[in-house]
Amino acid sequence: MAKISIRVVECGHTSLDFQLVASGHPKQLEVYNRHKGHHCGASLDSEGRIITHPIYTFIIEHPDGLLLIDTGMSATTRSDWKHAFYPNAMPYHPEADELFVDRLDQLNLKPHDFKDLILTHLHTDHAGNTSLFAKTPARIIVHQDELRGAVEVKGGMLRDDNITLWGLTSPQGFTRRDFGCLLPDRATLVFGDQQIYPGIWTVSFPGHTWGTMGVAVKLENTGWMLLASDHIYMTHNWGKVFVPSILNHDPTKWAHSAVKTRRLMQQYNMRIFPGHDDKIIVPSDNEDGFVLEPVRAFYD
């Protein structure tokens, strides 16, 4: 049987205030600066405030077909956001050849080549090109709580775009253009943890959003790997004491999901791939229980 593999596809960068990402402890920025370069791969500006980090999608080759995890940001993200604050607070910085559609072209792939698209959640930096797949035969897999939440918050005839500019209850992370193509019945809805194919599971991690999911993949050489998405936003959120983010919708649910991630690592010796970092978290027998390794372009 053919092996399962993961290709990591980087699609440009976004930037935002670091303390929004790791806001649980007042000393986090100081610690970040002290360990910069070997703890977390994203970079800070000269004032040590604005962090720049990668946008990822993942291509999984499986004997049963080609799977895509997330779709990155669209080229029209800035105009899709209806409140001017958000695109300025979290600008997207793709180079000329780094858009998702450019990456597909470079790999000689088209949306019709994929059997499944799994959306870890519907924030626009993960679901920005979903509409490219709406008219293909691909299943578009999303957690039922995620789609319901996005529709209820930002899918109605009236949109409350000005309720919150930033933070836990902000609707600004979602754009109706991204998920509207899934309605009324284009999405394949999942719940809990579900095996999609042998060796591939969707794993429920509520908290960052209503229905955030990770994707667990069993590889022949690497072993189990968890594409954790923004549930573990960066390596800086991982530790004996997890560091939360103001970007998490429900801090209590997020904390339970964080503990679930640690248990998965312990039980399956699972590597954790954060949502926006250039390092992954690898189990270790050292005092911390983990080490960090640079992201590779390919895992099998």
C-alpha atoms as a PDB file:
ATOM      1  CA  MET A   1       0.000   0.000   0.000  1.00  0.00           C
ATOM      2  CA  ALA A   2       1.244   3.497  -0.790  1.00  0.00           C
ATOM      3  CA  LYS A   3       2.566   5.525   2.092  1.00  0.00           C
ATOM      4  CA  ILE A   4       0.842   8.505   3.684  1.00  0.00           C
ATOM      5  CA  SER A   5       2.776  11.770   3.465  1.00  0.00           C
ATOM      6  CA  ILE A   6       2.309  15.429   4.379  1.00  0.00           C
ATOM      7  CA  ARG A   7       3.522  18.318   2.242  1.00  0.00           C
ATOM      8  CA  VAL A   8       3.748  21.633   4.109  1.00  0.00           C
ATOM      9  CA  VAL A   9       2.762  24.587   1.922  1.00  0.00           C
ATOM     10  CA  GLU A  10       3.559  28.083   3.183  1.00  0.00           C
ATOM     11  CA  CYS A  11       1.373  30.822   1.714  1.00  0.00           C
ATOM     12  CA  GLY A  12       2.842  34.127   2.860  1.00  0.00           C
ATOM     13  CA  HIS A  13       2.732  35.781   6.268  1.00  0.00           C
ATOM     14  CA  THR A  14       0.482  37.840   8.461  1.00  0.00           C
ATOM     15  CA  SER A  15       1.477  40.135  11.318  1.00  0.00           C
ATOM     16  CA  LEU A  16      -0.193  41.174  14.558  1.00  0.00           C
ATOM     17  CA  ASP A  17       0.546  42.286  18.099  1.00  0.00           C
ATOM     18  CA  PHE A  18       2.402  39.521  19.916  1.00  0.00           C
ATOM     19  CA  GLN A  19       0.542  39.998  23.207  1.00  0.00           C
ATOM     20  CA  LEU A  20      -2.703  39.053  21.474  1.00  0.00           C
ATOM     21  CA  VAL A  21      -1.161  35.668  20.689  1.00  0.00           C
ATOM     22  CA  ALA A  22       0.361  34.923  24.114  1.00  0.00           C
ATOM     23  CA  SER A  23      -1.558  37.004  26.615  1.00  0.00           C
ATOM     24  CA  GLY A  24      -1.725  34.737  29.636  1.00  0.00           C
ATOM     25  CA  HIS A  25       1.274  36.034  31.550  1.00  0.00           C
ATOM     26  CA  PRO A  26       2.609  39.591  31.921  1.00  0.00           C
ATOM     27  CA  LYS A  27       6.211  38.472  31.340  1.00  0.00           C
ATOM     28  CA  GLN A  28       5.544  36.657  28.058  1.00  0.00           C
ATOM     29  CA  LEU A  29       7.028  39.334  25.805  1.00  0.00           C
ATOM     30  CA  GLU A  30      10.182  39.465  27.921  1.00  0.00           C
ATOM     31  CA  VAL A  31      10.504  35.671  27.774  1.00  0.00           C
ATOM     32  CA  TYR A  32       9.877  35.699  24.040  1.00  0.00           C
ATOM     33  CA  ASN A  33      12.677  38.176  23.436  1.00  0.00           C
ATOM     34  CA  ARG A  34      15.042  36.176  25.621  1.00  0.00           C
ATOM     35  CA  HIS A  35      14.421  32.973  23.658  1.00  0.00           C
ATOM     36  CA  LYS A  36      13.888  34.493  20.228  1.00  0.00           C
ATOM     37  CA  GLY A  37      15.625  32.503  17.533  1.00  0.00           C
ATOM     38  CA  HIS A  38      15.515  29.136  19.268  1.00  0.00           C
ATOM     39  CA  HIS A  39      12.137  29.003  20.998  1.00  0.00           C
ATOM     40  CA  CYS A  40       9.691  30.429  18.505  1.00  0.00           C
ATOM     41  CA  GLY A  41      10.325  30.807  14.830  1.00  0.00           C
ATOM     42  CA  ALA A  42       8.209  33.841  14.039  1.00  0.00           C
ATOM     43  CA  SER A  43       9.927  37.237  14.128  1.00  0.00           C
ATOM     44  CA  LEU A  44       9.274  40.465  16.031  1.00  0.00           C
ATOM     45  CA  ASP A  45       9.706  43.998  14.755  1.00  0.00           C
ATOM     46  CA  SER A  46      12.385  46.367  16.054  1.00  0.00           C
ATOM     47  CA  GLU A  47      10.150  47.501  18.919  1.00  0.00           C
ATOM     48  CA  GLY A  48       9.489  43.924  19.988  1.00  0.00           C
ATOM     49  CA  ARG A  49       5.733  44.149  19.590  1.00  0.00           C
ATOM     50  CA  ILE A  50       4.542  43.082  16.136  1.00  0.00           C
ATOM     51  CA  ILE A  51       5.004  39.435  15.267  1.00  0.00           C
ATOM     52  CA  THR A  52       5.178  38.111  11.717  1.00  0.00           C
ATOM     53  CA  HIS A  53       4.251  34.477  11.204  1.00  0.00           C
ATOM     54  CA  PRO A  54       3.520  32.022   8.379  1.00  0.00           C
ATOM     55  CA  ILE A  55       0.193  30.950   6.881  1.00  0.00           C
ATOM     56  CA  TYR A  56       0.074  27.211   6.172  1.00  0.00           C
ATOM     57  CA  THR A  57      -1.924  24.748   4.167  1.00  0.00           C
ATOM     58  CA  PHE A  58      -1.134  21.028   4.052  1.00  0.00           C
ATOM     59  CA  ILE A  59      -1.422  18.448   1.296  1.00  0.00           C
ATOM     60  CA  ILE A  60      -1.821  14.850   2.458  1.00  0.00           C
ATOM     61  CA  GLU A  61      -1.144  12.067   0.000  1.00  0.00           C
ATOM     62  CA  HIS A  62      -3.134   8.991   1.042  1.00  0.00           C
ATOM     63  CA  PRO A  63      -3.787   5.701  -0.781  1.00  0.00           C
ATOM     64  CA  ASP A  64      -7.469   6.678  -0.934  1.00  0.00           C
ATOM     65  CA  GLY A  65      -6.880  10.113  -2.437  1.00  0.00           C
ATOM     66  CA  LEU A  66      -5.350  13.567  -2.119  1.00  0.00           C
ATOM     67  CA  LEU A  67      -6.449  15.670   0.875  1.00  0.00           C
ATOM     68  CA  LEU A  68      -6.022  19.387   1.498  1.00  0.00           C
ATOM     69  CA  ILE A  69      -5.997  20.884   4.985  1.00  0.00           C
ATOM     70  CA  ASP A  70      -7.095  24.551   4.956  1.00  0.00           C
ATOM     71  CA  THR A  71      -6.824  27.000   2.066  1.00  0.00           C
ATOM     72  CA  GLY A  72      -4.927  30.023   3.392  1.00  0.00           C
ATOM     73  CA  MET A  73      -5.962  33.625   2.836  1.00  0.00           C
ATOM     74  CA  SER A  74      -7.551  34.847  -0.360  1.00  0.00           C
ATOM     75  CA  ALA A  75      -6.079  37.579  -2.539  1.00  0.00           C
ATOM     76  CA  THR A  76      -9.169  39.687  -1.739  1.00  0.00           C
ATOM     77  CA  THR A  77      -9.001  39.379   2.058  1.00  0.00           C
ATOM     78  CA  ARG A  78      -8.506  43.089   2.655  1.00  0.00           C
ATOM     79  CA  SER A  79     -11.632  44.035   0.714  1.00  0.00           C
ATOM     80  CA  ASP A  80     -13.598  41.098   2.160  1.00  0.00           C
ATOM     81  CA  TRP A  81     -13.199  42.458   5.699  1.00  0.00           C
ATOM     82  CA  LYS A  82     -15.967  44.976   6.173  1.00  0.00           C
ATOM     83  CA  HIS A  83     -14.362  46.892   9.046  1.00  0.00           C
ATOM     84  CA  ALA A  84     -11.132  48.733   8.232  1.00  0.00           C
ATOM     85  CA  PHE A  85      -9.582  48.017  11.637  1.00  0.00           C
ATOM     86  CA  TYR A  86      -8.976  44.315  11.099  1.00  0.00           C
ATOM     87  CA  PRO A  87      -6.946  44.274   7.845  1.00  0.00           C
ATOM     88  CA  ASN A  88      -4.742  46.993   9.328  1.00  0.00           C
ATOM     89  CA  ALA A  89      -4.333  45.146  12.641  1.00  0.00           C
ATOM     90  CA  MET A  90      -3.559  41.830  10.935  1.00  0.00           C
ATOM     91  CA  PRO A  91      -2.178  42.608   7.468  1.00  0.00           C
ATOM     92  CA  TYR A  92      -1.353  39.845   5.018  1.00  0.00           C
ATOM     93  CA  HIS A  93       2.117  39.905   3.450  1.00  0.00           C
ATOM     94  CA  PRO A  94       2.358  37.481   0.506  1.00  0.00           C
ATOM     95  CA  GLU A  95       5.204  37.732  -1.952  1.00  0.00           C
ATOM     96  CA  ALA A  96       4.428  37.652  -5.659  1.00  0.00           C
ATOM     97  CA  ASP A  97       4.376  33.845  -5.805  1.00  0.00           C
ATOM     98  CA  GLU A  98       3.063  32.989  -2.322  1.00  0.00           C
ATOM     99  CA  LEU A  99      -0.698  33.133  -2.742  1.00  0.00           C
ATOM    100  CA  PHE A 100      -2.494  29.811  -2.311  1.00  0.00           C
ATOM    101  CA  VAL A 101      -3.403  29.677  -6.003  1.00  0.00           C
ATOM    102  CA  ASP A 102       0.244  30.301  -6.915  1.00  0.00           C
ATOM    103  CA  ARG A 103       1.357  27.456  -4.662  1.00  0.00           C
ATOM    104  CA  LEU A 104      -1.092  25.073  -6.337  1.00  0.00           C
ATOM    105  CA  ASP A 105       0.234  26.085  -9.758  1.00  0.00           C
ATOM    106  CA  GLN A 106       3.819  25.503  -8.616  1.00  0.00           C
ATOM    107  CA  LEU A 107       2.833  21.974  -7.570  1.00  0.00           C
ATOM    108  CA  ASN A 108       0.894  21.377 -10.825  1.00  0.00           C
ATOM    109  CA  LEU A 109      -2.314  20.909  -8.840  1.00  0.00           C
ATOM    110  CA  LYS A 110      -5.860  22.181  -9.279  1.00  0.00           C
ATOM    111  CA  PRO A 111      -8.843  22.192  -6.890  1.00  0.00           C
ATOM    112  CA  HIS A 112     -10.385  19.264  -8.816  1.00  0.00           C
ATOM    113  CA  ASP A 113      -7.395  17.083  -7.910  1.00  0.00           C
ATOM    114  CA  PHE A 114      -8.399  16.848  -4.247  1.00  0.00           C
ATOM    115  CA  LYS A 115     -10.750  14.231  -2.885  1.00  0.00           C
ATOM    116  CA  ASP A 116     -11.288  16.094   0.381  1.00  0.00           C
ATOM    117  CA  LEU A 117     -10.794  19.538   1.833  1.00  0.00           C
ATOM    118  CA  ILE A 118     -10.694  19.667   5.635  1.00  0.00           C
ATOM    119  CA  LEU A 119     -11.199  23.112   7.156  1.00  0.00           C
ATOM    120  CA  THR A 120      -9.753  23.247  10.673  1.00  0.00           C
ATOM    121  CA  HIS A 121     -11.879  26.341  11.339  1.00  0.00           C
ATOM    122  CA  LEU A 122     -13.399  29.188   9.360  1.00  0.00           C
ATOM    123  CA  HIS A 123     -11.165  32.130  10.216  1.00  0.00           C
ATOM    124  CA  THR A 124     -10.278  33.778   6.947  1.00  0.00           C
ATOM    125  CA  ASP A 125      -6.565  32.897   7.160  1.00  0.00           C
ATOM    126  CA  HIS A 126      -7.589  29.217   7.036  1.00  0.00           C
ATOM    127  CA  ALA A 127     -10.702  29.257   4.856  1.00  0.00           C
ATOM    128  CA  GLY A 128      -9.982  32.129   2.481  1.00  0.00           C
ATOM    129  CA  ASN A 129     -10.051  30.059  -0.717  1.00  0.00           C
ATOM    130  CA  THR A 130     -12.845  27.642   0.150  1.00  0.00           C
ATOM    131  CA  SER A 131     -14.999  28.908  -2.715  1.00  0.00           C
ATOM    132  CA  LEU A 132     -12.493  27.439  -5.205  1.00  0.00           C
ATOM    133  CA  PHE A 133     -13.603  23.978  -4.083  1.00  0.00           C
ATOM    134  CA  ALA A 134     -17.359  24.509  -3.860  1.00  0.00           C
ATOM    135  CA  LYS A 135     -17.979  23.408  -7.450  1.00  0.00           C
ATOM    136  CA  THR A 136     -15.587  20.438  -7.388  1.00  0.00           C
ATOM    137  CA  PRO A 137     -16.510  16.875  -6.374  1.00  0.00           C
ATOM    138  CA  ALA A 138     -14.392  17.195  -3.204  1.00  0.00           C
ATOM    139  CA  ARG A 139     -15.939  16.711   0.200  1.00  0.00           C
ATOM    140  CA  ILE A 140     -15.536  19.888   2.247  1.00  0.00           C
ATOM    141  CA  ILE A 141     -15.271  18.730   5.848  1.00  0.00           C
ATOM    142  CA  VAL A 142     -15.947  21.178   8.673  1.00  0.00           C
ATOM    143  CA  HIS A 143     -17.059  20.787  12.282  1.00  0.00           C
ATOM    144  CA  GLN A 144     -20.794  21.291  12.656  1.00  0.00           C
ATOM    145  CA  ASP A 145     -20.336  23.715  15.577  1.00  0.00           C
ATOM    146  CA  GLU A 146     -17.959  25.822  13.494  1.00  0.00           C
ATOM    147  CA  LEU A 147     -20.301  26.295  10.560  1.00  0.00           C
ATOM    148  CA  ARG A 148     -23.258  26.963  12.848  1.00  0.00           C
ATOM    149  CA  GLY A 149     -21.267  29.532  14.815  1.00  0.00           C
ATOM    150  CA  ALA A 150     -20.002  31.367  11.741  1.00  0.00           C
ATOM    151  CA  VAL A 151     -23.485  31.517  10.237  1.00  0.00           C
ATOM    152  CA  GLU A 152     -25.109  32.715  13.448  1.00  0.00           C
ATOM    153  CA  VAL A 153     -22.471  35.396  14.053  1.00  0.00           C
ATOM    154  CA  LYS A 154     -21.804  36.618  10.527  1.00  0.00           C
ATOM    155  CA  GLY A 155     -24.073  34.852   8.094  1.00  0.00           C
ATOM    156  CA  GLY A 156     -27.359  36.642   8.552  1.00  0.00           C
ATOM    157  CA  MET A 157     -29.102  39.259   6.471  1.00  0.00           C
ATOM    158  CA  LEU A 158     -27.760  41.820   8.939  1.00  0.00           C
ATOM    159  CA  ARG A 159     -24.114  41.587   9.942  1.00  0.00           C
ATOM    160  CA  ASP A 160     -22.908  43.035  13.237  1.00  0.00           C
ATOM    161  CA  ASP A 161     -19.475  43.971  11.952  1.00  0.00           C
ATOM    162  CA  ASN A 162     -18.977  46.701  14.540  1.00  0.00           C
ATOM    163  CA  ILE A 163     -19.838  44.737  17.687  1.00  0.00           C
ATOM    164  CA  THR A 164     -16.223  44.060  18.651  1.00  0.00           C
ATOM    165  CA  LEU A 165     -13.100  45.304  16.928  1.00  0.00           C
ATOM    166  CA  TRP A 166     -10.807  42.658  18.392  1.00  0.00           C
ATOM    167  CA  GLY A 167     -10.887  39.910  20.940  1.00  0.00           C
ATOM    168  CA  LEU A 168     -12.897  37.005  22.218  1.00  0.00           C
ATOM    169  CA  THR A 169     -16.264  37.832  20.689  1.00  0.00           C
ATOM    170  CA  SER A 170     -15.070  39.551  17.521  1.00  0.00           C
ATOM    171  CA  PRO A 171     -16.843  38.537  14.304  1.00  0.00           C
ATOM    172  CA  GLN A 172     -14.000  40.061  12.315  1.00  0.00           C
ATOM    173  CA  GLY A 173     -11.991  36.854  11.959  1.00  0.00           C
ATOM    174  CA  PHE A 174     -14.686  35.508   9.625  1.00  0.00           C
ATOM    175  CA  THR A 175     -15.860  36.750   6.254  1.00  0.00           C
ATOM    176  CA  ARG A 176     -19.114  35.551   4.752  1.00  0.00           C
ATOM    177  CA  ARG A 177     -17.392  35.170   1.380  1.00  0.00           C
ATOM    178  CA  ASP A 178     -15.313  32.317   2.830  1.00  0.00           C
ATOM    179  CA  PHE A 179     -18.087  30.128   4.223  1.00  0.00           C
ATOM    180  CA  GLY A 180     -21.140  31.274   2.259  1.00  0.00           C
ATOM    181  CA  CYS A 181     -20.372  28.784  -0.508  1.00  0.00           C
ATOM    182  CA  LEU A 182     -20.933  25.947   1.997  1.00  0.00           C
ATOM    183  CA  LEU A 183     -24.596  26.856   2.512  1.00  0.00           C
ATOM    184  CA  PRO A 184     -27.116  25.413   2.658  1.00  0.00           C
ATOM    185  CA  ASP A 185     -25.777  21.862   2.249  1.00  0.00           C
ATOM    186  CA  ARG A 186     -22.361  21.849   0.546  1.00  0.00           C
ATOM    187  CA  ALA A 187     -20.379  21.020   3.706  1.00  0.00           C
ATOM    188  CA  THR A 188     -19.800  17.552   5.132  1.00  0.00           C
ATOM    189  CA  LEU A 189     -20.285  18.091   8.864  1.00  0.00           C
ATOM    190  CA  VAL A 190     -18.365  16.187  11.528  1.00  0.00           C
ATOM    191  CA  PHE A 191     -18.372  16.248  15.331  1.00  0.00           C
ATOM    192  CA  GLY A 192     -16.129  14.904  18.058  1.00  0.00           C
ATOM    193  CA  ASP A 193     -13.098  12.920  16.875  1.00  0.00           C
ATOM    194  CA  GLN A 194     -13.680  11.015  13.639  1.00  0.00           C
ATOM    195  CA  GLN A 195     -11.512   8.739  11.516  1.00  0.00           C
ATOM    196  CA  ILE A 196     -11.767  10.027   7.952  1.00  0.00           C
ATOM    197  CA  TYR A 197      -9.459   7.421   6.412  1.00  0.00           C
ATOM    198  CA  PRO A 198      -7.171   4.775   7.909  1.00  0.00           C
ATOM    199  CA  GLY A 199      -4.443   6.764   9.602  1.00  0.00           C
ATOM    200  CA  ILE A 200      -6.242  10.135   9.391  1.00  0.00           C
ATOM    201  CA  TRP A 201      -8.523  11.585  12.076  1.00  0.00           C
ATOM    202  CA  THR A 202     -10.224  14.907  12.592  1.00  0.00           C
ATOM    203  CA  VAL A 203      -9.784  15.837  16.260  1.00  0.00           C
ATOM    204  CA  SER A 204     -12.121  18.241  18.034  1.00  0.00           C
ATOM    205  CA  PHE A 205     -10.466  21.154  19.877  1.00  0.00           C
ATOM    206  CA  PRO A 206     -13.170  23.702  20.768  1.00  0.00           C
ATOM    207  CA  GLY A 207     -12.082  26.957  22.327  1.00  0.00           C
ATOM    208  CA  HIS A 208     -10.170  28.944  19.743  1.00  0.00           C
ATOM    209  CA  THR A 209     -13.443  28.967  17.826  1.00  0.00           C
ATOM    210  CA  TRP A 210     -16.678  27.013  18.291  1.00  0.00           C
ATOM    211  CA  GLY A 211     -15.529  24.005  16.280  1.00  0.00           C
ATOM    212  CA  THR A 212     -11.781  24.233  15.785  1.00  0.00           C
ATOM    213  CA  MET A 213     -10.327  20.902  14.679  1.00  0.00           C
ATOM    214  CA  GLY A 214      -6.889  19.407  14.320  1.00  0.00           C
ATOM    215  CA  VAL A 215      -5.949  16.643  11.913  1.00  0.00           C
ATOM    216  CA  ALA A 216      -4.011  13.652  13.266  1.00  0.00           C
ATOM    217  CA  VAL A 217      -2.003  11.691  10.686  1.00  0.00           C
ATOM    218  CA  LYS A 218      -0.092   8.440  11.229  1.00  0.00           C
ATOM    219  CA  LEU A 219       3.064   8.398   9.121  1.00  0.00           C
ATOM    220  CA  GLU A 220       5.252   5.350   8.557  1.00  0.00           C
ATOM    221  CA  ASN A 221       8.564   7.005   9.406  1.00  0.00           C
ATOM    222  CA  THR A 222       7.599  10.036  11.503  1.00  0.00           C
ATOM    223  CA  GLY A 223       4.805   8.381  13.495  1.00  0.00           C
ATOM    224  CA  TRP A 224       1.742  10.313  14.617  1.00  0.00           C
ATOM    225  CA  MET A 225       1.650  14.010  13.750  1.00  0.00           C
ATOM    226  CA  LEU A 226      -1.063  16.450  14.828  1.00  0.00           C
ATOM    227  CA  LEU A 227      -1.757  19.431  12.611  1.00  0.00           C
ATOM    228  CA  ALA A 228      -3.113  21.412  15.555  1.00  0.00           C
ATOM    229  CA  SER A 229      -4.162  24.542  13.659  1.00  0.00           C
ATOM    230  CA  ASP A 230      -4.748  27.622  15.841  1.00  0.00           C
ATOM    231  CA  HIS A 231      -5.725  25.566  18.853  1.00  0.00           C
ATOM    232  CA  ILE A 232      -1.968  25.682  19.507  1.00  0.00           C
ATOM    233  CA  TYR A 233      -1.332  28.984  17.790  1.00  0.00           C
ATOM    234  CA  MET A 234       2.448  28.988  18.207  1.00  0.00           C
ATOM    235  CA  THR A 235       5.059  26.988  20.065  1.00  0.00           C
ATOM    236  CA  HIS A 236       5.054  29.813  22.590  1.00  0.00           C
ATOM    237  CA  ASN A 237       1.585  28.718  23.759  1.00  0.00           C
ATOM    238  CA  TRP A 238       2.898  25.261  24.695  1.00  0.00           C
ATOM    239  CA  GLY A 239       4.432  24.358  28.041  1.00  0.00           C
ATOM    240  CA  LYS A 240       3.862  22.808  31.445  1.00  0.00           C
ATOM    241  CA  VAL A 241       1.570  25.779  31.925  1.00  0.00           C
ATOM    242  CA  PHE A 242      -0.235  26.492  28.659  1.00  0.00           C
ATOM    243  CA  VAL A 243      -0.237  30.133  27.585  1.00  0.00           C
ATOM    244  CA  PRO A 244      -3.621  31.273  26.241  1.00  0.00           C
ATOM    245  CA  SER A 245      -4.438  33.869  23.616  1.00  0.00           C
ATOM    246  CA  ILE A 246      -6.957  36.677  23.528  1.00  0.00           C
ATOM    247  CA  LEU A 247      -7.885  35.294  20.111  1.00  0.00           C
ATOM    248  CA  ASN A 248      -9.564  32.266  21.743  1.00  0.00           C
ATOM    249  CA  HIS A 249     -13.359  32.556  21.823  1.00  0.00           C
ATOM    250  CA  ASP A 250     -13.846  30.389  24.904  1.00  0.00           C
ATOM    251  CA  PRO A 251     -10.835  30.271  27.268  1.00  0.00           C
ATOM    252  CA  THR A 252     -12.288  27.466  29.402  1.00  0.00           C
ATOM    253  CA  LYS A 253     -12.946  25.163  26.456  1.00  0.00           C
ATOM    254  CA  TRP A 254      -9.555  26.053  25.035  1.00  0.00           C
ATOM    255  CA  ALA A 255      -7.854  25.023  28.292  1.00  0.00           C
ATOM    256  CA  HIS A 256      -9.578  21.626  28.236  1.00  0.00           C
ATOM    257  CA  SER A 257      -8.547  21.198  24.598  1.00  0.00           C
ATOM    258  CA  ALA A 258      -4.946  22.097  25.457  1.00  0.00           C
ATOM    259  CA  VAL A 259      -4.858  19.340  28.075  1.00  0.00           C
ATOM    260  CA  LYS A 260      -6.334  16.966  25.496  1.00  0.00           C
ATOM    261  CA  THR A 261      -3.460  17.826  23.153  1.00  0.00           C
ATOM    262  CA  ARG A 262      -0.895  17.002  25.828  1.00  0.00           C
ATOM    263  CA  ARG A 263      -2.596  13.678  26.527  1.00  0.00           C
ATOM    264  CA  LEU A 264      -2.507  12.844  22.808  1.00  0.00           C
ATOM    265  CA  MET A 265       1.194  13.611  22.736  1.00  0.00           C
ATOM    266  CA  GLN A 266       1.816  11.375  25.741  1.00  0.00           C
ATOM    267  CA  GLN A 267      -0.302   8.450  24.564  1.00  0.00           C
ATOM    268  CA  TYR A 268       0.714   8.418  20.893  1.00  0.00           C
ATOM    269  CA  ASN A 269       4.179  10.032  21.091  1.00  0.00           C
ATOM    270  CA  MET A 270       2.580  12.603  18.810  1.00  0.00           C
ATOM    271  CA  ARG A 271       4.407  15.531  17.217  1.00  0.00           C
ATOM    272  CA  ILE A 272       2.447  18.798  17.363  1.00  0.00           C
ATOM    273  CA  PHE A 273       2.439  21.210  14.416  1.00  0.00           C
ATOM    274  CA  PRO A 274       1.197  24.652  15.619  1.00  0.00           C
ATOM    275  CA  GLY A 275      -0.977  26.864  13.474  1.00  0.00           C
ATOM    276  CA  HIS A 276       1.544  29.650  12.842  1.00  0.00           C
ATOM    277  CA  ASP A 277       5.159  28.816  13.612  1.00  0.00           C
ATOM    278  CA  ASP A 278       8.235  27.525  11.834  1.00  0.00           C
ATOM    279  CA  LYS A 279       8.948  24.967  14.544  1.00  0.00           C
ATOM    280  CA  ILE A 280       7.048  21.892  15.687  1.00  0.00           C
ATOM    281  CA  ILE A 281       6.766  20.425  19.195  1.00  0.00           C
ATOM    282  CA  VAL A 282       8.366  16.988  19.569  1.00  0.00           C
ATOM    283  CA  PRO A 283       8.001  14.689  22.617  1.00  0.00           C
ATOM    284  CA  SER A 284      11.150  14.318  24.707  1.00  0.00           C
ATOM    285  CA  ASP A 285      12.320  12.709  27.940  1.00  0.00           C
ATOM    286  CA  ASN A 286      13.877  15.987  29.085  1.00  0.00           C
ATOM    287  CA  GLU A 287      12.584  18.087  31.973  1.00  0.00           C
ATOM    288  CA  ASP A 288      10.165  20.050  29.786  1.00  0.00           C
ATOM    289  CA  GLY A 289       8.795  16.941  28.111  1.00  0.00           C
ATOM    290  CA  PHE A 290       9.369  18.350  24.615  1.00  0.00           C
ATOM    291  CA  VAL A 291      11.863  19.897  22.241  1.00  0.00           C
ATOM    292  CA  LEU A 292      11.358  22.118  19.224  1.00  0.00           C
ATOM    293  CA  GLU A 293      12.396  21.183  15.704  1.00  0.00           C
ATOM    294  CA  PRO A 294      12.338  23.293  12.526  1.00  0.00           C
ATOM    295  CA  VAL A 295       9.396  22.727  10.199  1.00  0.00           C
ATOM    296  CA  ARG A 296      10.242  20.542   7.231  1.00  0.00           C
ATOM    297  CA  ALA A 297       8.587  20.818   3.841  1.00  0.00           C
ATOM    298  CA  PHE A 298       7.732  17.116   3.748  1.00  0.00           C
ATOM    299  CA  TYR A 299       6.927  14.363   6.273  1.00  0.00           C
ATOM    300  CA  ASP A 300       6.345  10.668   5.633  1.00  0.00           C
END
